[in-house]
Amino acid sequence: MDLYADPFRKFLKCEIEEIRDGFARVKAVVKDSFLNFYGVVHGAFIMALLDFAFAISANTDARRVAINISVYFYSPAKLGDVIYAESERIKGKKTGFYKLRAFKEDELIAEGSAIAKMLEKD
């Protein structure tokens, strides 16, 4: 699995910062095309970064797919801000439970949870 060649990662213009068993951290700079009509980052952009970090962390030791993601947004980000998104497995193997967090510098701007199901081997 070549995460660096992932077309969605390229679309988001995000970089993979860290990967370890059950954990991933990515970062991206807010571009003009990621802003909503209020001039702040669209929640879908933050959600997409969290989802990408989640996909990496859920697949560090097995093939898994998402079955649920829930996110709360606390604070906005603006053009040029750097957003870091993390996903960490908290519990589970066949069904994994993950904690999601997004930061602007040291400020927590969104957090949530996700669940992933392990795929059956072919």
PDB file of N, CA and C in Angstrom:
ATOM      1  N   MET A   1       0.852  -1.169   0.000  1.00  0.00           N
ATOM      2  CA  MET A   1       0.000   0.000   0.000  1.00  0.00           C
ATOM      3  C   MET A   1       0.903   1.239   0.000  1.00  0.00           C
ATOM      4  N   ASP A   2       0.854   1.986  -1.069  1.00  0.00           N
ATOM      5  CA  ASP A   2       1.683   3.186  -1.192  1.00  0.00           C
ATOM      6  C   ASP A   2       0.851   4.412  -0.827  1.00  0.00           C
ATOM      7  N   LEU A   3       0.922   4.805   0.434  1.00  0.00           N
ATOM      8  CA  LEU A   3       0.130   5.933   0.925  1.00  0.00           C
ATOM      9  C   LEU A   3       0.533   7.250   0.277  1.00  0.00           C
ATOM     10  N   TYR A   4       1.793   7.366  -0.083  1.00  0.00           N
ATOM     11  CA  TYR A   4       2.279   8.622  -0.659  1.00  0.00           C
ATOM     12  C   TYR A   4       1.771   8.828  -2.084  1.00  0.00           C
ATOM     13  N   ALA A   5       1.365   7.744  -2.751  1.00  0.00           N
ATOM     14  CA  ALA A   5       0.824   7.836  -4.111  1.00  0.00           C
ATOM     15  C   ALA A   5      -0.701   7.981  -4.101  1.00  0.00           C
ATOM     16  N   ASP A   6      -1.302   7.956  -2.927  1.00  0.00           N
ATOM     17  CA  ASP A   6      -2.749   8.022  -2.797  1.00  0.00           C
ATOM     18  C   ASP A   6      -3.296   9.295  -3.454  1.00  0.00           C
ATOM     19  N   PRO A   7      -4.209   9.162  -4.424  1.00  0.00           N
ATOM     20  CA  PRO A   7      -4.713  10.355  -5.121  1.00  0.00           C
ATOM     21  C   PRO A   7      -5.498  11.301  -4.217  1.00  0.00           C
ATOM     22  N   PHE A   8      -6.190  10.771  -3.211  1.00  0.00           N
ATOM     23  CA  PHE A   8      -6.932  11.647  -2.306  1.00  0.00           C
ATOM     24  C   PHE A   8      -5.978  12.463  -1.441  1.00  0.00           C
ATOM     25  N   ARG A   9      -4.872  11.861  -1.012  1.00  0.00           N
ATOM     26  CA  ARG A   9      -3.850  12.592  -0.257  1.00  0.00           C
ATOM     27  C   ARG A   9      -3.333  13.752  -1.100  1.00  0.00           C
ATOM     28  N   LYS A  10      -3.099  13.488  -2.371  1.00  0.00           N
ATOM     29  CA  LYS A  10      -2.613  14.542  -3.270  1.00  0.00           C
ATOM     30  C   LYS A  10      -3.659  15.639  -3.442  1.00  0.00           C
ATOM     31  N   PHE A  11      -4.920  15.256  -3.553  1.00  0.00           N
ATOM     32  CA  PHE A  11      -6.000  16.233  -3.682  1.00  0.00           C
ATOM     33  C   PHE A  11      -6.062  17.147  -2.459  1.00  0.00           C
ATOM     34  N   LEU A  12      -5.921  16.557  -1.269  1.00  0.00           N
ATOM     35  CA  LEU A  12      -5.942  17.328  -0.024  1.00  0.00           C
ATOM     36  C   LEU A  12      -4.660  18.124   0.193  1.00  0.00           C
ATOM     37  N   LYS A  13      -3.633  17.782  -0.593  1.00  0.00           N
ATOM     38  CA  LYS A  13      -2.309  18.397  -0.445  1.00  0.00           C
ATOM     39  C   LYS A  13      -1.789  18.210   0.986  1.00  0.00           C
ATOM     40  N   CYS A  14      -1.991  17.018   1.516  1.00  0.00           N
ATOM     41  CA  CYS A  14      -1.549  16.760   2.887  1.00  0.00           C
ATOM     42  C   CYS A  14      -0.296  15.896   2.902  1.00  0.00           C
ATOM     43  N   GLU A  15       0.435  16.053   3.977  1.00  0.00           N
ATOM     44  CA  GLU A  15       1.661  15.295   4.203  1.00  0.00           C
ATOM     45  C   GLU A  15       1.442  14.322   5.344  1.00  0.00           C
ATOM     46  N   ILE A  16       2.049  13.153   5.225  1.00  0.00           N
ATOM     47  CA  ILE A  16       1.998  12.173   6.305  1.00  0.00           C
ATOM     48  C   ILE A  16       3.153  12.493   7.247  1.00  0.00           C
ATOM     49  N   GLU A  17       2.811  12.819   8.496  1.00  0.00           N
ATOM     50  CA  GLU A  17       3.805  13.212   9.498  1.00  0.00           C
ATOM     51  C   GLU A  17       4.354  12.011  10.274  1.00  0.00           C
ATOM     52  N   GLU A  18       3.447  11.108  10.658  1.00  0.00           N
ATOM     53  CA  GLU A  18       3.863   9.989  11.508  1.00  0.00           C
ATOM     54  C   GLU A  18       2.926   8.813  11.325  1.00  0.00           C
ATOM     55  N   ILE A  19       3.515   7.626  11.302  1.00  0.00           N
ATOM     56  CA  ILE A  19       2.746   6.379  11.268  1.00  0.00           C
ATOM     57  C   ILE A  19       3.409   5.412  12.235  1.00  0.00           C
ATOM     58  N   ARG A  20       2.586   4.827  13.094  1.00  0.00           N
ATOM     59  CA  ARG A  20       3.036   3.707  13.931  1.00  0.00           C
ATOM     60  C   ARG A  20       1.815   2.819  14.170  1.00  0.00           C
ATOM     61  N   ASP A  21       1.991   1.690  14.796  1.00  0.00           N
ATOM     62  CA  ASP A  21       0.902   0.736  14.969  1.00  0.00           C
ATOM     63  C   ASP A  21      -0.326   1.410  15.587  1.00  0.00           C
ATOM     64  N   GLY A  22      -1.413   1.469  14.823  1.00  0.00           N
ATOM     65  CA  GLY A  22      -2.659   2.024  15.309  1.00  0.00           C
ATOM     66  C   GLY A  22      -2.704   3.538  15.420  1.00  0.00           C
ATOM     67  N   PHE A  23      -1.732   4.227  14.839  1.00  0.00           N
ATOM     68  CA  PHE A  23      -1.670   5.687  14.959  1.00  0.00           C
ATOM     69  C   PHE A  23      -1.200   6.302  13.645  1.00  0.00           C
ATOM     70  N   ALA A  24      -1.787   7.463  13.313  1.00  0.00           N
ATOM     71  CA  ALA A  24      -1.309   8.239  12.162  1.00  0.00           C
ATOM     72  C   ALA A  24      -1.559   9.717  12.427  1.00  0.00           C
ATOM     73  N   ARG A  25      -0.648  10.538  11.889  1.00  0.00           N
ATOM     74  CA  ARG A  25      -0.764  11.997  11.982  1.00  0.00           C
ATOM     75  C   ARG A  25      -0.425  12.572  10.617  1.00  0.00           C
ATOM     76  N   VAL A  26      -1.336  13.421  10.112  1.00  0.00           N
ATOM     77  CA  VAL A  26      -1.133  14.081   8.826  1.00  0.00           C
ATOM     78  C   VAL A  26      -1.264  15.589   9.024  1.00  0.00           C
ATOM     79  N   LYS A  27      -0.760  16.351   8.054  1.00  0.00           N
ATOM     80  CA  LYS A  27      -0.920  17.804   8.139  1.00  0.00           C
ATOM     81  C   LYS A  27      -1.188  18.369   6.758  1.00  0.00           C
ATOM     82  N   ALA A  28      -1.873  19.520   6.750  1.00  0.00           N
ATOM     83  CA  ALA A  28      -2.163  20.213   5.500  1.00  0.00           C
ATOM     84  C   ALA A  28      -2.334  21.699   5.780  1.00  0.00           C
ATOM     85  N   VAL A  29      -2.012  22.486   4.782  1.00  0.00           N
ATOM     86  CA  VAL A  29      -2.196  23.933   4.847  1.00  0.00           C
ATOM     87  C   VAL A  29      -3.540  24.272   4.215  1.00  0.00           C
ATOM     88  N   VAL A  30      -4.301  25.138   4.871  1.00  0.00           N
ATOM     89  CA  VAL A  30      -5.597  25.551   4.340  1.00  0.00           C
ATOM     90  C   VAL A  30      -5.388  26.431   3.110  1.00  0.00           C
ATOM     91  N   LYS A  31      -5.885  25.969   1.987  1.00  0.00           N
ATOM     92  CA  LYS A  31      -5.820  26.700   0.714  1.00  0.00           C
ATOM     93  C   LYS A  31      -7.158  27.397   0.467  1.00  0.00           C
ATOM     94  N   ASP A  32      -7.166  28.347  -0.436  1.00  0.00           N
ATOM     95  CA  ASP A  32      -8.371  29.097  -0.779  1.00  0.00           C
ATOM     96  C   ASP A  32      -9.518  28.179  -1.194  1.00  0.00           C
ATOM     97  N   SER A  33      -9.215  27.115  -1.907  1.00  0.00           N
ATOM     98  CA  SER A  33     -10.258  26.207  -2.397  1.00  0.00           C
ATOM     99  C   SER A  33     -10.897  25.380  -1.276  1.00  0.00           C
ATOM    100  N   PHE A  34     -10.332  25.427  -0.061  1.00  0.00           N
ATOM    101  CA  PHE A  34     -10.883  24.680   1.074  1.00  0.00           C
ATOM    102  C   PHE A  34     -11.727  25.560   1.993  1.00  0.00           C
ATOM    103  N   LEU A  35     -11.962  26.814   1.600  1.00  0.00           N
ATOM    104  CA  LEU A  35     -12.749  27.734   2.422  1.00  0.00           C
ATOM    105  C   LEU A  35     -14.226  27.653   2.069  1.00  0.00           C
ATOM    106  N   ASN A  36     -15.075  27.918   3.061  1.00  0.00           N
ATOM    107  CA  ASN A  36     -16.512  27.967   2.798  1.00  0.00           C
ATOM    108  C   ASN A  36     -16.940  29.406   2.513  1.00  0.00           C
ATOM    109  N   PHE A  37     -18.220  29.643   2.417  1.00  0.00           N
ATOM    110  CA  PHE A  37     -18.720  30.977   2.060  1.00  0.00           C
ATOM    111  C   PHE A  37     -18.553  32.002   3.182  1.00  0.00           C
ATOM    112  N   TYR A  38     -18.152  31.572   4.383  1.00  0.00           N
ATOM    113  CA  TYR A  38     -17.833  32.497   5.471  1.00  0.00           C
ATOM    114  C   TYR A  38     -16.355  32.888   5.474  1.00  0.00           C
ATOM    115  N   GLY A  39     -15.578  32.254   4.613  1.00  0.00           N
ATOM    116  CA  GLY A  39     -14.149  32.544   4.550  1.00  0.00           C
ATOM    117  C   GLY A  39     -13.318  31.775   5.553  1.00  0.00           C
ATOM    118  N   VAL A  40     -13.892  30.742   6.165  1.00  0.00           N
ATOM    119  CA  VAL A  40     -13.141  29.857   7.063  1.00  0.00           C
ATOM    120  C   VAL A  40     -13.114  28.463   6.443  1.00  0.00           C
ATOM    121  N   VAL A  41     -12.229  27.621   6.951  1.00  0.00           N
ATOM    122  CA  VAL A  41     -12.089  26.288   6.361  1.00  0.00           C
ATOM    123  C   VAL A  41     -13.412  25.524   6.449  1.00  0.00           C
ATOM    124  N   HIS A  42     -13.725  24.833   5.380  1.00  0.00           N
ATOM    125  CA  HIS A  42     -14.935  24.018   5.321  1.00  0.00           C
ATOM    126  C   HIS A  42     -14.761  22.817   6.244  1.00  0.00           C
ATOM    127  N   GLY A  43     -15.805  22.492   6.990  1.00  0.00           N
ATOM    128  CA  GLY A  43     -15.755  21.329   7.875  1.00  0.00           C
ATOM    129  C   GLY A  43     -15.428  20.043   7.141  1.00  0.00           C
ATOM    130  N   ALA A  44     -15.822  19.964   5.884  1.00  0.00           N
ATOM    131  CA  ALA A  44     -15.538  18.766   5.088  1.00  0.00           C
ATOM    132  C   ALA A  44     -14.042  18.568   4.883  1.00  0.00           C
ATOM    133  N   PHE A  45     -13.288  19.664   4.835  1.00  0.00           N
ATOM    134  CA  PHE A  45     -11.836  19.550   4.684  1.00  0.00           C
ATOM    135  C   PHE A  45     -11.219  18.951   5.953  1.00  0.00           C
ATOM    136  N   ILE A  46     -11.641  19.450   7.112  1.00  0.00           N
ATOM    137  CA  ILE A  46     -11.141  18.899   8.382  1.00  0.00           C
ATOM    138  C   ILE A  46     -11.549  17.438   8.497  1.00  0.00           C
ATOM    139  N   MET A  47     -12.801  17.143   8.165  1.00  0.00           N
ATOM    140  CA  MET A  47     -13.291  15.766   8.215  1.00  0.00           C
ATOM    141  C   MET A  47     -12.483  14.862   7.290  1.00  0.00           C
ATOM    142  N   ALA A  48     -12.166  15.362   6.100  1.00  0.00           N
ATOM    143  CA  ALA A  48     -11.384  14.562   5.149  1.00  0.00           C
ATOM    144  C   ALA A  48      -9.989  14.275   5.679  1.00  0.00           C
ATOM    145  N   LEU A  49      -9.359  15.261   6.309  1.00  0.00           N
ATOM    146  CA  LEU A  49      -8.036  15.029   6.907  1.00  0.00           C
ATOM    147  C   LEU A  49      -8.120  13.989   8.015  1.00  0.00           C
ATOM    148  N   LEU A  50      -9.140  14.102   8.859  1.00  0.00           N
ATOM    149  CA  LEU A  50      -9.321  13.114   9.926  1.00  0.00           C
ATOM    150  C   LEU A  50      -9.587  11.728   9.348  1.00  0.00           C
ATOM    151  N   ASP A  51     -10.373  11.662   8.303  1.00  0.00           N
ATOM    152  CA  ASP A  51     -10.679  10.384   7.663  1.00  0.00           C
ATOM    153  C   ASP A  51      -9.427   9.762   7.054  1.00  0.00           C
ATOM    154  N   PHE A  52      -8.580  10.582   6.452  1.00  0.00           N
ATOM    155  CA  PHE A  52      -7.353  10.049   5.866  1.00  0.00           C
ATOM    156  C   PHE A  52      -6.416   9.519   6.956  1.00  0.00           C
ATOM    157  N   ALA A  53      -6.267  10.268   8.062  1.00  0.00           N
ATOM    158  CA  ALA A  53      -5.451   9.793   9.188  1.00  0.00           C
ATOM    159  C   ALA A  53      -6.046   8.496   9.748  1.00  0.00           C
ATOM    160  N   PHE A  54      -7.365   8.444   9.854  1.00  0.00           N
ATOM    161  CA  PHE A  54      -8.059   7.251  10.333  1.00  0.00           C
ATOM    162  C   PHE A  54      -7.797   6.057   9.413  1.00  0.00           C
ATOM    163  N   ALA A  55      -7.884   6.264   8.116  1.00  0.00           N
ATOM    164  CA  ALA A  55      -7.642   5.170   7.168  1.00  0.00           C
ATOM    165  C   ALA A  55      -6.242   4.591   7.335  1.00  0.00           C
ATOM    166  N   ILE A  56      -5.274   5.468   7.538  1.00  0.00           N
ATOM    167  CA  ILE A  56      -3.897   4.992   7.733  1.00  0.00           C
ATOM    168  C   ILE A  56      -3.787   4.214   9.034  1.00  0.00           C
ATOM    169  N   SER A  57      -4.255   4.812  10.135  1.00  0.00           N
ATOM    170  CA  SER A  57      -4.095   4.167  11.447  1.00  0.00           C
ATOM    171  C   SER A  57      -4.848   2.839  11.523  1.00  0.00           C
ATOM    172  N   ALA A  58      -5.991   2.757  10.867  1.00  0.00           N
ATOM    173  CA  ALA A  58      -6.787   1.525  10.896  1.00  0.00           C
ATOM    174  C   ALA A  58      -6.151   0.403  10.085  1.00  0.00           C
ATOM    175  N   ASN A  59      -5.244   0.749   9.186  1.00  0.00           N
ATOM    176  CA  ASN A  59      -4.654  -0.254   8.302  1.00  0.00           C
ATOM    177  C   ASN A  59      -3.170  -0.492   8.557  1.00  0.00           C
ATOM    178  N   THR A  60      -2.687  -0.121   9.728  1.00  0.00           N
ATOM    179  CA  THR A  60      -1.264  -0.337  10.018  1.00  0.00           C
ATOM    180  C   THR A  60      -0.924  -1.803  10.251  1.00  0.00           C
ATOM    181  N   ASP A  61      -1.912  -2.612  10.671  1.00  0.00           N
ATOM    182  CA  ASP A  61      -1.619  -4.010  10.974  1.00  0.00           C
ATOM    183  C   ASP A  61      -2.573  -5.001  10.303  1.00  0.00           C
ATOM    184  N   ALA A  62      -3.601  -4.497   9.621  1.00  0.00           N
ATOM    185  CA  ALA A  62      -4.574  -5.365   8.948  1.00  0.00           C
ATOM    186  C   ALA A  62      -5.362  -4.512   7.967  1.00  0.00           C
ATOM    187  N   ARG A  63      -6.155  -5.180   7.130  1.00  0.00           N
ATOM    188  CA  ARG A  63      -7.018  -4.440   6.193  1.00  0.00           C
ATOM    189  C   ARG A  63      -8.353  -4.175   6.874  1.00  0.00           C
ATOM    190  N   ARG A  64      -8.679  -2.883   7.025  1.00  0.00           N
ATOM    191  CA  ARG A  64      -9.930  -2.494   7.661  1.00  0.00           C
ATOM    192  C   ARG A  64     -10.627  -1.418   6.832  1.00  0.00           C
ATOM    193  N   VAL A  65     -11.946  -1.352   6.998  1.00  0.00           N
ATOM    194  CA  VAL A  65     -12.749  -0.300   6.372  1.00  0.00           C
ATOM    195  C   VAL A  65     -13.570   0.392   7.446  1.00  0.00           C
ATOM    196  N   ALA A  66     -13.877   1.655   7.210  1.00  0.00           N
ATOM    197  CA  ALA A  66     -14.664   2.441   8.157  1.00  0.00           C
ATOM    198  C   ALA A  66     -16.113   1.979   8.160  1.00  0.00           C
ATOM    199  N   ILE A  67     -16.699   1.948   9.359  1.00  0.00           N
ATOM    200  CA  ILE A  67     -18.138   1.707   9.464  1.00  0.00           C
ATOM    201  C   ILE A  67     -18.840   2.881  10.154  1.00  0.00           C
ATOM    202  N   ASN A  68     -18.069   3.781  10.764  1.00  0.00           N
ATOM    203  CA  ASN A  68     -18.674   4.970  11.365  1.00  0.00           C
ATOM    204  C   ASN A  68     -17.594   6.012  11.655  1.00  0.00           C
ATOM    205  N   ILE A  69     -17.958   7.271  11.463  1.00  0.00           N
ATOM    206  CA  ILE A  69     -17.104   8.399  11.862  1.00  0.00           C
ATOM    207  C   ILE A  69     -18.031   9.486  12.389  1.00  0.00           C
ATOM    208  N   SER A  70     -17.646  10.070  13.527  1.00  0.00           N
ATOM    209  CA  SER A  70     -18.407  11.163  14.116  1.00  0.00           C
ATOM    210  C   SER A  70     -17.421  12.239  14.561  1.00  0.00           C
ATOM    211  N   VAL A  71     -17.697  13.493  14.191  1.00  0.00           N
ATOM    212  CA  VAL A  71     -16.767  14.579  14.503  1.00  0.00           C
ATOM    213  C   VAL A  71     -17.517  15.789  15.056  1.00  0.00           C
ATOM    214  N   TYR A  72     -16.929  16.409  16.081  1.00  0.00           N
ATOM    215  CA  TYR A  72     -17.403  17.673  16.636  1.00  0.00           C
ATOM    216  C   TYR A  72     -16.402  18.757  16.253  1.00  0.00           C
ATOM    217  N   PHE A  73     -16.917  19.882  15.794  1.00  0.00           N
ATOM    218  CA  PHE A  73     -16.071  21.012  15.408  1.00  0.00           C
ATOM    219  C   PHE A  73     -16.152  22.079  16.496  1.00  0.00           C
ATOM    220  N   TYR A  74     -14.980  22.529  16.975  1.00  0.00           N
ATOM    221  CA  TYR A  74     -14.935  23.489  18.074  1.00  0.00           C
ATOM    222  C   TYR A  74     -14.550  24.899  17.648  1.00  0.00           C
ATOM    223  N   SER A  75     -13.573  25.006  16.755  1.00  0.00           N
ATOM    224  CA  SER A  75     -13.040  26.310  16.370  1.00  0.00           C
ATOM    225  C   SER A  75     -12.723  26.313  14.880  1.00  0.00           C
ATOM    226  N   PRO A  76     -12.803  27.485  14.250  1.00  0.00           N
ATOM    227  CA  PRO A  76     -12.500  27.563  12.814  1.00  0.00           C
ATOM    228  C   PRO A  76     -10.999  27.637  12.534  1.00  0.00           C
ATOM    229  N   ALA A  77     -10.667  27.393  11.303  1.00  0.00           N
ATOM    230  CA  ALA A  77      -9.307  27.625  10.790  1.00  0.00           C
ATOM    231  C   ALA A  77      -9.461  28.526   9.574  1.00  0.00           C
ATOM    232  N   LYS A  78      -8.400  29.256   9.268  1.00  0.00           N
ATOM    233  CA  LYS A  78      -8.459  30.230   8.179  1.00  0.00           C
ATOM    234  C   LYS A  78      -7.393  29.935   7.128  1.00  0.00           C
ATOM    235  N   LEU A  79      -7.466  30.683   6.063  1.00  0.00           N
ATOM    236  CA  LEU A  79      -6.512  30.564   4.967  1.00  0.00           C
ATOM    237  C   LEU A  79      -5.079  30.628   5.496  1.00  0.00           C
ATOM    238  N   GLY A  80      -4.276  29.660   5.099  1.00  0.00           N
ATOM    239  CA  GLY A  80      -2.873  29.623   5.497  1.00  0.00           C
ATOM    240  C   GLY A  80      -2.589  28.873   6.780  1.00  0.00           C
ATOM    241  N   ASP A  81      -3.620  28.581   7.573  1.00  0.00           N
ATOM    242  CA  ASP A  81      -3.405  27.814   8.804  1.00  0.00           C
ATOM    243  C   ASP A  81      -2.945  26.402   8.464  1.00  0.00           C
ATOM    244  N   VAL A  82      -2.120  25.848   9.330  1.00  0.00           N
ATOM    245  CA  VAL A  82      -1.690  24.457   9.202  1.00  0.00           C
ATOM    246  C   VAL A  82      -2.546  23.631  10.145  1.00  0.00           C
ATOM    247  N   ILE A  83      -3.186  22.603   9.591  1.00  0.00           N
ATOM    248  CA  ILE A  83      -4.023  21.717  10.382  1.00  0.00           C
ATOM    249  C   ILE A  83      -3.341  20.356  10.485  1.00  0.00           C
ATOM    250  N   TYR A  84      -3.281  19.846  11.699  1.00  0.00           N
ATOM    251  CA  TYR A  84      -2.770  18.506  11.968  1.00  0.00           C
ATOM    252  C   TYR A  84      -3.958  17.623  12.344  1.00  0.00           C
ATOM    253  N   ALA A  85      -4.045  16.458  11.744  1.00  0.00           N
ATOM    254  CA  ALA A  85      -5.123  15.511  12.047  1.00  0.00           C
ATOM    255  C   ALA A  85      -4.505  14.201  12.514  1.00  0.00           C
ATOM    256  N   GLU A  86      -5.045  13.671  13.606  1.00  0.00           N
ATOM    257  CA  GLU A  86      -4.525  12.429  14.187  1.00  0.00           C
ATOM    258  C   GLU A  86      -5.646  11.411  14.364  1.00  0.00           C
ATOM    259  N   SER A  87      -5.259  10.163  14.276  1.00  0.00           N
ATOM    260  CA  SER A  87      -6.155   9.060  14.587  1.00  0.00           C
ATOM    261  C   SER A  87      -5.370   8.036  15.385  1.00  0.00           C
ATOM    262  N   GLU A  88      -5.980   7.575  16.471  1.00  0.00           N
ATOM    263  CA  GLU A  88      -5.307   6.588  17.325  1.00  0.00           C
ATOM    264  C   GLU A  88      -6.289   5.498  17.729  1.00  0.00           C
ATOM    265  N   ARG A  89      -5.873   4.237  17.535  1.00  0.00           N
ATOM    266  CA  ARG A  89      -6.716   3.117  17.962  1.00  0.00           C
ATOM    267  C   ARG A  89      -6.705   3.058  19.489  1.00  0.00           C
ATOM    268  N   ILE A  90      -7.894   3.037  20.053  1.00  0.00           N
ATOM    269  CA  ILE A  90      -8.053   3.000  21.507  1.00  0.00           C
ATOM    270  C   ILE A  90      -8.269   1.573  21.980  1.00  0.00           C
ATOM    271  N   LYS A  91      -9.008   0.795  21.188  1.00  0.00           N
ATOM    272  CA  LYS A  91      -9.351  -0.563  21.593  1.00  0.00           C
ATOM    273  C   LYS A  91      -9.806  -1.354  20.373  1.00  0.00           C
ATOM    274  N   GLY A  92      -9.653  -2.655  20.465  1.00  0.00           N
ATOM    275  CA  GLY A  92     -10.232  -3.543  19.471  1.00  0.00           C
ATOM    276  C   GLY A  92      -9.256  -4.038  18.432  1.00  0.00           C
ATOM    277  N   LYS A  93      -9.621  -5.141  17.830  1.00  0.00           N
ATOM    278  CA  LYS A  93      -8.820  -5.754  16.771  1.00  0.00           C
ATOM    279  C   LYS A  93      -9.699  -5.984  15.542  1.00  0.00           C
ATOM    280  N   LYS A  94     -10.656  -6.929  15.632  1.00  0.00           N
ATOM    281  CA  LYS A  94     -11.553  -7.161  14.491  1.00  0.00           C
ATOM    282  C   LYS A  94     -12.429  -5.937  14.249  1.00  0.00           C
ATOM    283  N   THR A  95     -12.903  -5.362  15.316  1.00  0.00           N
ATOM    284  CA  THR A  95     -13.601  -4.081  15.264  1.00  0.00           C
ATOM    285  C   THR A  95     -12.761  -3.114  16.089  1.00  0.00           C
ATOM    286  N   GLY A  96     -12.209  -2.109  15.417  1.00  0.00           N
ATOM    287  CA  GLY A  96     -11.326  -1.164  16.090  1.00  0.00           C
ATOM    288  C   GLY A  96     -12.031   0.151  16.374  1.00  0.00           C
ATOM    289  N   PHE A  97     -11.737   0.704  17.541  1.00  0.00           N
ATOM    290  CA  PHE A  97     -12.307   1.982  17.953  1.00  0.00           C
ATOM    291  C   PHE A  97     -11.182   3.011  18.010  1.00  0.00           C
ATOM    292  N   TYR A  98     -11.422   4.177  17.406  1.00  0.00           N
ATOM    293  CA  TYR A  98     -10.375   5.174  17.197  1.00  0.00           C
ATOM    294  C   TYR A  98     -10.789   6.535  17.733  1.00  0.00           C
ATOM    295  N   LYS A  99      -9.808   7.244  18.257  1.00  0.00           N
ATOM    296  CA  LYS A  99      -9.986   8.620  18.708  1.00  0.00           C
ATOM    297  C   LYS A  99      -9.408   9.531  17.626  1.00  0.00           C
ATOM    298  N   LEU A 100     -10.182  10.530  17.209  1.00  0.00           N
ATOM    299  CA  LEU A 100      -9.760  11.459  16.164  1.00  0.00           C
ATOM    300  C   LEU A 100      -9.600  12.853  16.762  1.00  0.00           C
ATOM    301  N   ARG A 101      -8.524  13.562  16.359  1.00  0.00           N
ATOM    302  CA  ARG A 101      -8.321  14.930  16.835  1.00  0.00           C
ATOM    303  C   ARG A 101      -7.674  15.764  15.739  1.00  0.00           C
ATOM    304  N   ALA A 102      -8.132  17.014  15.612  1.00  0.00           N
ATOM    305  CA  ALA A 102      -7.540  17.957  14.662  1.00  0.00           C
ATOM    306  C   ALA A 102      -7.097  19.200  15.427  1.00  0.00           C
ATOM    307  N   PHE A 103      -5.903  19.685  15.081  1.00  0.00           N
ATOM    308  CA  PHE A 103      -5.308  20.831  15.765  1.00  0.00           C
ATOM    309  C   PHE A 103      -4.923  21.915  14.762  1.00  0.00           C
ATOM    310  N   LYS A 104      -4.998  23.147  15.221  1.00  0.00           N
ATOM    311  CA  LYS A 104      -4.421  24.302  14.534  1.00  0.00           C
ATOM    312  C   LYS A 104      -3.365  24.795  15.519  1.00  0.00           C
ATOM    313  N   GLU A 105      -2.097  24.576  15.195  1.00  0.00           N
ATOM    314  CA  GLU A 105      -0.983  24.757  16.141  1.00  0.00           C
ATOM    315  C   GLU A 105      -1.281  23.871  17.350  1.00  0.00           C
ATOM    316  N   ASP A 106      -1.398  24.428  18.561  1.00  0.00           N
ATOM    317  CA  ASP A 106      -1.688  23.612  19.752  1.00  0.00           C
ATOM    318  C   ASP A 106      -3.166  23.605  20.124  1.00  0.00           C
ATOM    319  N   GLU A 107      -3.987  24.300  19.343  1.00  0.00           N
ATOM    320  CA  GLU A 107      -5.405  24.420  19.664  1.00  0.00           C
ATOM    321  C   GLU A 107      -6.203  23.270  19.059  1.00  0.00           C
ATOM    322  N   LEU A 108      -6.938  22.567  19.901  1.00  0.00           N
ATOM    323  CA  LEU A 108      -7.829  21.507  19.434  1.00  0.00           C
ATOM    324  C   LEU A 108      -9.025  22.164  18.744  1.00  0.00           C
ATOM    325  N   ILE A 109      -9.202  21.892  17.448  1.00  0.00           N
ATOM    326  CA  ILE A 109     -10.305  22.519  16.711  1.00  0.00           C
ATOM    327  C   ILE A 109     -11.420  21.542  16.363  1.00  0.00           C
ATOM    328  N   ALA A 110     -11.146  20.253  16.438  1.00  0.00           N
ATOM    329  CA  ALA A 110     -12.177  19.235  16.176  1.00  0.00           C
ATOM    330  C   ALA A 110     -11.727  17.923  16.796  1.00  0.00           C
ATOM    331  N   GLU A 111     -12.691  17.128  17.202  1.00  0.00           N
ATOM    332  CA  GLU A 111     -12.375  15.785  17.689  1.00  0.00           C
ATOM    333  C   GLU A 111     -13.573  14.889  17.484  1.00  0.00           C
ATOM    334  N   GLY A 112     -13.309  13.608  17.527  1.00  0.00           N
ATOM    335  CA  GLY A 112     -14.381  12.671  17.322  1.00  0.00           C
ATOM    336  C   GLY A 112     -13.933  11.245  17.524  1.00  0.00           C
ATOM    337  N   SER A 113     -14.715  10.343  16.978  1.00  0.00           N
ATOM    338  CA  SER A 113     -14.417   8.917  17.102  1.00  0.00           C
ATOM    339  C   SER A 113     -14.751   8.235  15.793  1.00  0.00           C
ATOM    340  N   ALA A 114     -14.179   7.058  15.631  1.00  0.00           N
ATOM    341  CA  ALA A 114     -14.417   6.280  14.426  1.00  0.00           C
ATOM    342  C   ALA A 114     -14.343   4.792  14.769  1.00  0.00           C
ATOM    343  N   ILE A 115     -14.995   4.007  13.939  1.00  0.00           N
ATOM    344  CA  ILE A 115     -14.991   2.558  14.091  1.00  0.00           C
ATOM    345  C   ILE A 115     -14.619   1.945  12.744  1.00  0.00           C
ATOM    346  N   ALA A 116     -13.741   0.946  12.802  1.00  0.00           N
ATOM    347  CA  ALA A 116     -13.325   0.245  11.590  1.00  0.00           C
ATOM    348  C   ALA A 116     -13.494  -1.263  11.778  1.00  0.00           C
ATOM    349  N   LYS A 117     -13.880  -1.910  10.709  1.00  0.00           N
ATOM    350  CA  LYS A 117     -14.092  -3.360  10.717  1.00  0.00           C
ATOM    351  C   LYS A 117     -12.995  -4.020   9.886  1.00  0.00           C
ATOM    352  N   MET A 118     -12.416  -5.085  10.451  1.00  0.00           N
ATOM    353  CA  MET A 118     -11.397  -5.834   9.729  1.00  0.00           C
ATOM    354  C   MET A 118     -12.044  -6.631   8.595  1.00  0.00           C
ATOM    355  N   LEU A 119     -11.407  -6.597   7.430  1.00  0.00           N
ATOM    356  CA  LEU A 119     -11.899  -7.349   6.282  1.00  0.00           C
ATOM    357  C   LEU A 119     -11.484  -8.808   6.404  1.00  0.00           C
ATOM    358  N   GLU A 120     -12.339  -9.664   5.913  1.00  0.00           N
ATOM    359  CA  GLU A 120     -12.020 -11.098   5.868  1.00  0.00           C
ATOM    360  C   GLU A 120     -10.894 -11.325   4.870  1.00  0.00           C
ATOM    361  N   LYS A 121     -10.034 -12.281   5.162  1.00  0.00           N
ATOM    362  CA  LYS A 121      -8.963 -12.614   4.239  1.00  0.00           C
ATOM    363  C   LYS A 121      -9.541 -13.374   3.056  1.00  0.00           C
ATOM    364  N   ASP A 122      -8.985 -13.068   1.875  1.00  0.00           N
ATOM    365  CA  ASP A 122      -9.448 -13.739   0.651  1.00  0.00           C
ATOM    366  C   ASP A 122      -9.016 -15.177   0.609  1.00  0.00           C
TER     367      ASP A 122
END
